[in-house]
Amino acid sequence: MSTHPPHTIAPSDLPQTITRYLRAHRDRDTATAVTAFTGDATVTDDGKTYQGATAIEQWLSRSATEFTYTIELTDAQQTDPTHYVATHHLEGNFPGGSVDLRYQFTLRDDLIARLVIEP
C-alpha cells in the first residue's frame, strides 16, 4: 500500500471500477463483479488469498451464497490515485452477526489489481 495518509472522500468519488464491483458484489452479480479485476489480480479475504480471475470468480460465488447479509458503505478514503479504502457495515447470519470491513483497493489500468478485506 501507499505510504501517504488516506483522506476521506465522498463515496460517489470512488473510481467507477470500484463502484461497479461494490454494486455487483452487493447484488451478488458474480459475472459483473469479476470484470472489475485484472486477469492477474489478488484478493485477500478472511486470511486467504485468491490469485487470478478463476480463483476470484470462485471466491465471489462462494461469498455470494455462503451467508445472507446486508452491506452498507459507511466510509470512503483515498490514499493516492491508485489506492482506495471503502468501509462497509455488514449484518447477517454469519458468525458474530455484524462486522465493519475495510475493502482496500489497488488499481492498475482502471481495474482492481489487488483487494484486501479485513476488519
N, C-alpha and C. Protein backbone atom coordinates (compact mmCIF):
# COMPACT_ATOMS: atom_id res chain seq x y z
N MET A 1 0.84 -1.19 0.00
CA MET A 1 0.00 0.00 0.00
C MET A 1 0.88 1.24 0.00
N SER A 2 0.25 2.36 -0.26
CA SER A 2 0.95 3.63 -0.30
C SER A 2 1.32 4.08 1.11
N THR A 3 2.32 4.95 1.19
CA THR A 3 2.73 5.47 2.49
C THR A 3 2.03 6.78 2.82
N HIS A 4 1.25 7.33 1.90
CA HIS A 4 0.52 8.56 2.16
C HIS A 4 -0.66 8.29 3.09
N PRO A 5 -0.98 9.23 3.98
CA PRO A 5 -2.15 9.02 4.82
C PRO A 5 -3.43 9.16 3.98
N PRO A 6 -4.41 8.32 4.26
CA PRO A 6 -5.66 8.41 3.49
C PRO A 6 -6.46 9.65 3.89
N HIS A 7 -7.26 10.14 2.96
CA HIS A 7 -8.18 11.23 3.27
C HIS A 7 -9.58 10.82 2.84
N THR A 8 -10.55 11.27 3.59
CA THR A 8 -11.94 10.90 3.35
C THR A 8 -12.44 11.56 2.07
N ILE A 9 -13.16 10.76 1.28
CA ILE A 9 -13.79 11.26 0.06
C ILE A 9 -15.26 10.86 0.09
N ALA A 10 -16.06 11.50 -0.74
CA ALA A 10 -17.46 11.10 -0.88
C ALA A 10 -17.51 9.74 -1.57
N PRO A 11 -18.39 8.84 -1.14
CA PRO A 11 -18.50 7.55 -1.83
C PRO A 11 -18.69 7.70 -3.34
N SER A 12 -19.35 8.76 -3.75
CA SER A 12 -19.55 8.98 -5.19
C SER A 12 -18.25 9.33 -5.91
N ASP A 13 -17.19 9.65 -5.16
CA ASP A 13 -15.90 9.96 -5.76
C ASP A 13 -15.00 8.73 -5.91
N LEU A 14 -15.48 7.56 -5.49
CA LEU A 14 -14.72 6.34 -5.73
C LEU A 14 -14.67 6.09 -7.24
N PRO A 15 -13.57 5.55 -7.74
CA PRO A 15 -13.49 5.26 -9.18
C PRO A 15 -14.62 4.34 -9.64
N GLN A 16 -15.00 4.50 -10.89
CA GLN A 16 -16.13 3.73 -11.45
C GLN A 16 -15.91 2.23 -11.33
N THR A 17 -14.68 1.77 -11.51
CA THR A 17 -14.39 0.33 -11.40
C THR A 17 -14.74 -0.19 -10.00
N ILE A 18 -14.40 0.58 -8.98
CA ILE A 18 -14.68 0.16 -7.60
C ILE A 18 -16.18 0.17 -7.35
N THR A 19 -16.88 1.22 -7.78
CA THR A 19 -18.32 1.26 -7.55
C THR A 19 -19.03 0.15 -8.32
N ARG A 20 -18.54 -0.17 -9.53
CA ARG A 20 -19.14 -1.27 -10.30
C ARG A 20 -18.97 -2.59 -9.54
N TYR A 21 -17.75 -2.83 -9.03
CA TYR A 21 -17.50 -4.04 -8.25
C TYR A 21 -18.38 -4.07 -7.00
N LEU A 22 -18.41 -2.98 -6.25
CA LEU A 22 -19.17 -2.96 -4.99
C LEU A 22 -20.66 -3.18 -5.24
N ARG A 23 -21.20 -2.55 -6.28
CA ARG A 23 -22.63 -2.73 -6.62
C ARG A 23 -22.89 -4.18 -7.01
N ALA A 24 -22.04 -4.75 -7.85
CA ALA A 24 -22.22 -6.14 -8.28
C ALA A 24 -22.07 -7.10 -7.10
N HIS A 25 -21.09 -6.84 -6.23
CA HIS A 25 -20.91 -7.68 -5.04
C HIS A 25 -22.14 -7.62 -4.14
N ARG A 26 -22.64 -6.42 -3.91
CA ARG A 26 -23.84 -6.25 -3.08
C ARG A 26 -25.03 -6.98 -3.70
N ASP A 27 -25.15 -6.91 -5.03
CA ASP A 27 -26.27 -7.55 -5.73
C ASP A 27 -26.02 -9.03 -6.01
N ARG A 28 -24.85 -9.54 -5.56
CA ARG A 28 -24.46 -10.94 -5.77
C ARG A 28 -24.42 -11.30 -7.24
N ASP A 29 -23.94 -10.34 -8.05
CA ASP A 29 -23.79 -10.50 -9.50
C ASP A 29 -22.32 -10.82 -9.79
N THR A 30 -21.96 -12.09 -9.64
CA THR A 30 -20.58 -12.53 -9.76
C THR A 30 -20.01 -12.23 -11.14
N ALA A 31 -20.78 -12.42 -12.19
CA ALA A 31 -20.29 -12.22 -13.56
C ALA A 31 -19.83 -10.78 -13.77
N THR A 32 -20.58 -9.82 -13.25
CA THR A 32 -20.20 -8.41 -13.38
C THR A 32 -19.05 -8.07 -12.43
N ALA A 33 -19.10 -8.57 -11.21
CA ALA A 33 -18.06 -8.26 -10.22
C ALA A 33 -16.68 -8.68 -10.70
N VAL A 34 -16.57 -9.84 -11.30
CA VAL A 34 -15.25 -10.34 -11.72
C VAL A 34 -14.66 -9.51 -12.85
N THR A 35 -15.48 -8.81 -13.63
CA THR A 35 -14.96 -7.98 -14.72
C THR A 35 -14.25 -6.73 -14.22
N ALA A 36 -14.37 -6.41 -12.94
CA ALA A 36 -13.69 -5.24 -12.37
C ALA A 36 -12.22 -5.52 -12.05
N PHE A 37 -11.80 -6.78 -12.13
CA PHE A 37 -10.45 -7.19 -11.74
C PHE A 37 -9.54 -7.39 -12.96
N THR A 38 -8.24 -7.15 -12.76
CA THR A 38 -7.25 -7.52 -13.77
C THR A 38 -7.18 -9.05 -13.82
N GLY A 39 -6.66 -9.59 -14.90
CA GLY A 39 -6.56 -11.04 -15.05
C GLY A 39 -5.66 -11.69 -14.02
N ASP A 40 -4.68 -10.94 -13.50
CA ASP A 40 -3.75 -11.48 -12.51
C ASP A 40 -3.97 -10.92 -11.10
N ALA A 41 -5.15 -10.40 -10.87
CA ALA A 41 -5.46 -9.76 -9.58
C ALA A 41 -5.36 -10.75 -8.42
N THR A 42 -5.19 -10.19 -7.22
CA THR A 42 -5.25 -10.99 -6.00
C THR A 42 -6.28 -10.39 -5.07
N VAL A 43 -6.97 -11.28 -4.36
CA VAL A 43 -7.92 -10.89 -3.32
C VAL A 43 -7.52 -11.62 -2.06
N THR A 44 -7.42 -10.88 -0.96
CA THR A 44 -7.18 -11.49 0.34
C THR A 44 -8.40 -11.21 1.20
N ASP A 45 -9.04 -12.27 1.66
CA ASP A 45 -10.26 -12.16 2.47
C ASP A 45 -10.23 -13.26 3.52
N ASP A 46 -10.50 -12.90 4.74
CA ASP A 46 -10.56 -13.87 5.83
C ASP A 46 -9.28 -14.69 5.93
N GLY A 47 -8.14 -14.02 5.68
CA GLY A 47 -6.85 -14.67 5.81
C GLY A 47 -6.43 -15.55 4.65
N LYS A 48 -7.26 -15.64 3.61
CA LYS A 48 -6.93 -16.47 2.45
C LYS A 48 -6.74 -15.57 1.23
N THR A 49 -5.79 -15.94 0.37
CA THR A 49 -5.51 -15.16 -0.83
C THR A 49 -5.94 -15.95 -2.06
N TYR A 50 -6.60 -15.26 -2.98
CA TYR A 50 -7.08 -15.82 -4.23
C TYR A 50 -6.39 -15.08 -5.37
N GLN A 51 -5.73 -15.81 -6.26
CA GLN A 51 -4.93 -15.23 -7.34
C GLN A 51 -5.54 -15.58 -8.69
N GLY A 52 -5.79 -14.57 -9.52
CA GLY A 52 -6.26 -14.78 -10.88
C GLY A 52 -7.78 -14.81 -10.99
N ALA A 53 -8.25 -14.63 -12.20
CA ALA A 53 -9.68 -14.48 -12.46
C ALA A 53 -10.50 -15.69 -12.03
N THR A 54 -10.02 -16.90 -12.29
CA THR A 54 -10.78 -18.10 -11.94
C THR A 54 -10.94 -18.24 -10.43
N ALA A 55 -9.85 -18.05 -9.69
CA ALA A 55 -9.92 -18.16 -8.23
C ALA A 55 -10.79 -17.06 -7.64
N ILE A 56 -10.71 -15.85 -8.20
CA ILE A 56 -11.53 -14.74 -7.70
C ILE A 56 -13.00 -15.00 -8.00
N GLU A 57 -13.30 -15.53 -9.17
CA GLU A 57 -14.69 -15.84 -9.50
C GLU A 57 -15.25 -16.90 -8.55
N GLN A 58 -14.46 -17.92 -8.23
CA GLN A 58 -14.90 -18.94 -7.27
C GLN A 58 -15.11 -18.33 -5.89
N TRP A 59 -14.21 -17.44 -5.45
CA TRP A 59 -14.36 -16.76 -4.17
C TRP A 59 -15.64 -15.92 -4.16
N LEU A 60 -15.89 -15.17 -5.23
CA LEU A 60 -17.10 -14.35 -5.31
C LEU A 60 -18.36 -15.21 -5.26
N SER A 61 -18.36 -16.31 -5.99
CA SER A 61 -19.53 -17.20 -5.99
C SER A 61 -19.79 -17.76 -4.61
N ARG A 62 -18.73 -18.19 -3.92
CA ARG A 62 -18.87 -18.75 -2.58
C ARG A 62 -19.35 -17.69 -1.60
N SER A 63 -18.77 -16.48 -1.66
CA SER A 63 -19.14 -15.44 -0.70
C SER A 63 -20.57 -14.96 -0.95
N ALA A 64 -21.06 -15.10 -2.19
CA ALA A 64 -22.42 -14.66 -2.50
C ALA A 64 -23.47 -15.64 -1.99
N THR A 65 -23.08 -16.90 -1.76
CA THR A 65 -24.08 -17.90 -1.38
C THR A 65 -23.89 -18.45 0.03
N GLU A 66 -22.72 -18.24 0.64
CA GLU A 66 -22.43 -18.86 1.93
C GLU A 66 -23.31 -18.30 3.05
N PHE A 67 -23.53 -16.99 3.05
CA PHE A 67 -24.32 -16.34 4.09
C PHE A 67 -25.28 -15.35 3.46
N THR A 68 -26.33 -15.01 4.21
CA THR A 68 -27.24 -13.95 3.81
C THR A 68 -26.90 -12.73 4.66
N TYR A 69 -26.72 -11.59 4.00
CA TYR A 69 -26.33 -10.40 4.75
C TYR A 69 -26.70 -9.14 3.97
N THR A 70 -26.76 -8.04 4.71
CA THR A 70 -26.89 -6.72 4.09
C THR A 70 -25.53 -6.04 4.17
N ILE A 71 -25.27 -5.17 3.24
CA ILE A 71 -24.00 -4.46 3.21
C ILE A 71 -24.26 -2.99 2.95
N GLU A 72 -23.64 -2.14 3.77
CA GLU A 72 -23.83 -0.70 3.64
C GLU A 72 -22.46 -0.02 3.62
N LEU A 73 -22.22 0.79 2.60
CA LEU A 73 -20.99 1.58 2.51
C LEU A 73 -21.06 2.70 3.54
N THR A 74 -20.12 2.73 4.47
CA THR A 74 -20.16 3.73 5.54
C THR A 74 -19.05 4.78 5.46
N ASP A 75 -17.98 4.50 4.67
CA ASP A 75 -16.88 5.46 4.58
C ASP A 75 -16.06 5.15 3.33
N ALA A 76 -15.49 6.19 2.74
CA ALA A 76 -14.60 6.02 1.59
C ALA A 76 -13.39 6.91 1.79
N GLN A 77 -12.22 6.38 1.45
CA GLN A 77 -10.98 7.13 1.58
C GLN A 77 -10.11 6.89 0.35
N GLN A 78 -9.27 7.89 0.08
CA GLN A 78 -8.29 7.78 -1.00
C GLN A 78 -6.92 8.05 -0.41
N THR A 79 -5.95 7.19 -0.72
CA THR A 79 -4.58 7.38 -0.27
C THR A 79 -3.76 8.08 -1.36
N ASP A 80 -3.94 7.64 -2.59
CA ASP A 80 -3.28 8.24 -3.76
C ASP A 80 -4.10 7.82 -4.98
N PRO A 81 -3.68 8.15 -6.19
CA PRO A 81 -4.52 7.86 -7.36
C PRO A 81 -4.84 6.39 -7.61
N THR A 82 -4.11 5.46 -6.98
CA THR A 82 -4.38 4.05 -7.22
C THR A 82 -4.78 3.27 -5.97
N HIS A 83 -4.90 3.92 -4.83
CA HIS A 83 -5.22 3.23 -3.57
C HIS A 83 -6.44 3.87 -2.89
N TYR A 84 -7.44 3.03 -2.65
CA TYR A 84 -8.70 3.47 -2.05
C TYR A 84 -9.12 2.48 -0.98
N VAL A 85 -9.88 2.99 0.00
CA VAL A 85 -10.46 2.14 1.03
C VAL A 85 -11.95 2.45 1.10
N ALA A 86 -12.77 1.40 1.07
CA ALA A 86 -14.22 1.53 1.23
C ALA A 86 -14.61 0.69 2.45
N THR A 87 -15.14 1.35 3.46
CA THR A 87 -15.54 0.65 4.68
C THR A 87 -17.02 0.32 4.60
N HIS A 88 -17.33 -0.95 4.90
CA HIS A 88 -18.71 -1.43 4.83
C HIS A 88 -19.14 -2.00 6.17
N HIS A 89 -20.42 -1.81 6.48
CA HIS A 89 -21.01 -2.46 7.64
C HIS A 89 -21.88 -3.59 7.11
N LEU A 90 -21.60 -4.82 7.59
CA LEU A 90 -22.36 -6.00 7.18
C LEU A 90 -23.15 -6.52 8.37
N GLU A 91 -24.38 -6.92 8.11
CA GLU A 91 -25.20 -7.61 9.10
C GLU A 91 -25.83 -8.81 8.43
N GLY A 92 -25.80 -9.95 9.16
CA GLY A 92 -26.38 -11.14 8.55
C GLY A 92 -26.26 -12.37 9.42
N ASN A 93 -26.36 -13.54 8.78
CA ASN A 93 -26.37 -14.80 9.52
C ASN A 93 -25.00 -15.46 9.58
N PHE A 94 -23.94 -14.67 9.47
CA PHE A 94 -22.58 -15.18 9.61
C PHE A 94 -22.17 -15.10 11.09
N PRO A 95 -21.10 -15.80 11.48
CA PRO A 95 -20.67 -15.77 12.88
C PRO A 95 -20.44 -14.34 13.36
N GLY A 96 -21.06 -13.98 14.48
CA GLY A 96 -20.95 -12.63 15.03
C GLY A 96 -22.09 -11.73 14.63
N GLY A 97 -22.70 -11.96 13.48
CA GLY A 97 -23.90 -11.24 13.08
C GLY A 97 -23.70 -9.85 12.49
N SER A 98 -22.62 -9.15 12.86
CA SER A 98 -22.35 -7.85 12.25
C SER A 98 -20.85 -7.58 12.33
N VAL A 99 -20.37 -6.82 11.33
CA VAL A 99 -18.94 -6.51 11.27
C VAL A 99 -18.75 -5.30 10.36
N ASP A 100 -17.73 -4.52 10.67
CA ASP A 100 -17.28 -3.45 9.78
C ASP A 100 -16.02 -3.94 9.09
N LEU A 101 -16.02 -3.91 7.76
CA LEU A 101 -14.88 -4.41 6.98
C LEU A 101 -14.31 -3.29 6.12
N ARG A 102 -12.99 -3.28 6.03
CA ARG A 102 -12.27 -2.33 5.18
C ARG A 102 -11.88 -3.06 3.89
N TYR A 103 -12.39 -2.58 2.78
CA TYR A 103 -12.04 -3.10 1.46
C TYR A 103 -10.95 -2.18 0.91
N GLN A 104 -9.71 -2.69 0.87
CA GLN A 104 -8.56 -1.89 0.45
C GLN A 104 -8.21 -2.25 -0.99
N PHE A 105 -8.41 -1.28 -1.88
CA PHE A 105 -8.25 -1.49 -3.31
C PHE A 105 -6.94 -0.90 -3.83
N THR A 106 -6.28 -1.65 -4.71
CA THR A 106 -5.17 -1.13 -5.50
C THR A 106 -5.58 -1.26 -6.97
N LEU A 107 -5.54 -0.15 -7.69
CA LEU A 107 -5.95 -0.15 -9.09
C LEU A 107 -4.74 -0.17 -10.01
N ARG A 108 -4.94 -0.78 -11.18
CA ARG A 108 -3.95 -0.76 -12.25
C ARG A 108 -4.73 -0.75 -13.57
N ASP A 109 -4.43 0.21 -14.43
CA ASP A 109 -5.11 0.31 -15.73
C ASP A 109 -6.63 0.34 -15.57
N ASP A 110 -7.11 1.10 -14.57
CA ASP A 110 -8.54 1.28 -14.31
C ASP A 110 -9.27 -0.01 -13.93
N LEU A 111 -8.53 -1.00 -13.44
CA LEU A 111 -9.12 -2.23 -12.93
C LEU A 111 -8.53 -2.52 -11.54
N ILE A 112 -9.18 -3.39 -10.80
CA ILE A 112 -8.70 -3.76 -9.47
C ILE A 112 -7.60 -4.81 -9.61
N ALA A 113 -6.38 -4.46 -9.18
CA ALA A 113 -5.26 -5.38 -9.23
C ALA A 113 -5.10 -6.13 -7.91
N ARG A 114 -5.56 -5.49 -6.82
CA ARG A 114 -5.42 -6.10 -5.50
C ARG A 114 -6.57 -5.61 -4.64
N LEU A 115 -7.16 -6.53 -3.87
CA LEU A 115 -8.19 -6.21 -2.90
C LEU A 115 -7.89 -6.96 -1.63
N VAL A 116 -7.79 -6.23 -0.53
CA VAL A 116 -7.60 -6.83 0.78
C VAL A 116 -8.80 -6.43 1.63
N ILE A 117 -9.49 -7.45 2.16
CA ILE A 117 -10.67 -7.22 3.00
C ILE A 117 -10.33 -7.64 4.41
N GLU A 118 -10.46 -6.71 5.36
CA GLU A 118 -10.16 -7.04 6.76
C GLU A 118 -10.93 -6.12 7.69
N PRO A 119 -11.11 -6.57 8.93
CA PRO A 119 -11.80 -5.72 9.90
C PRO A 119 -11.04 -4.45 10.21
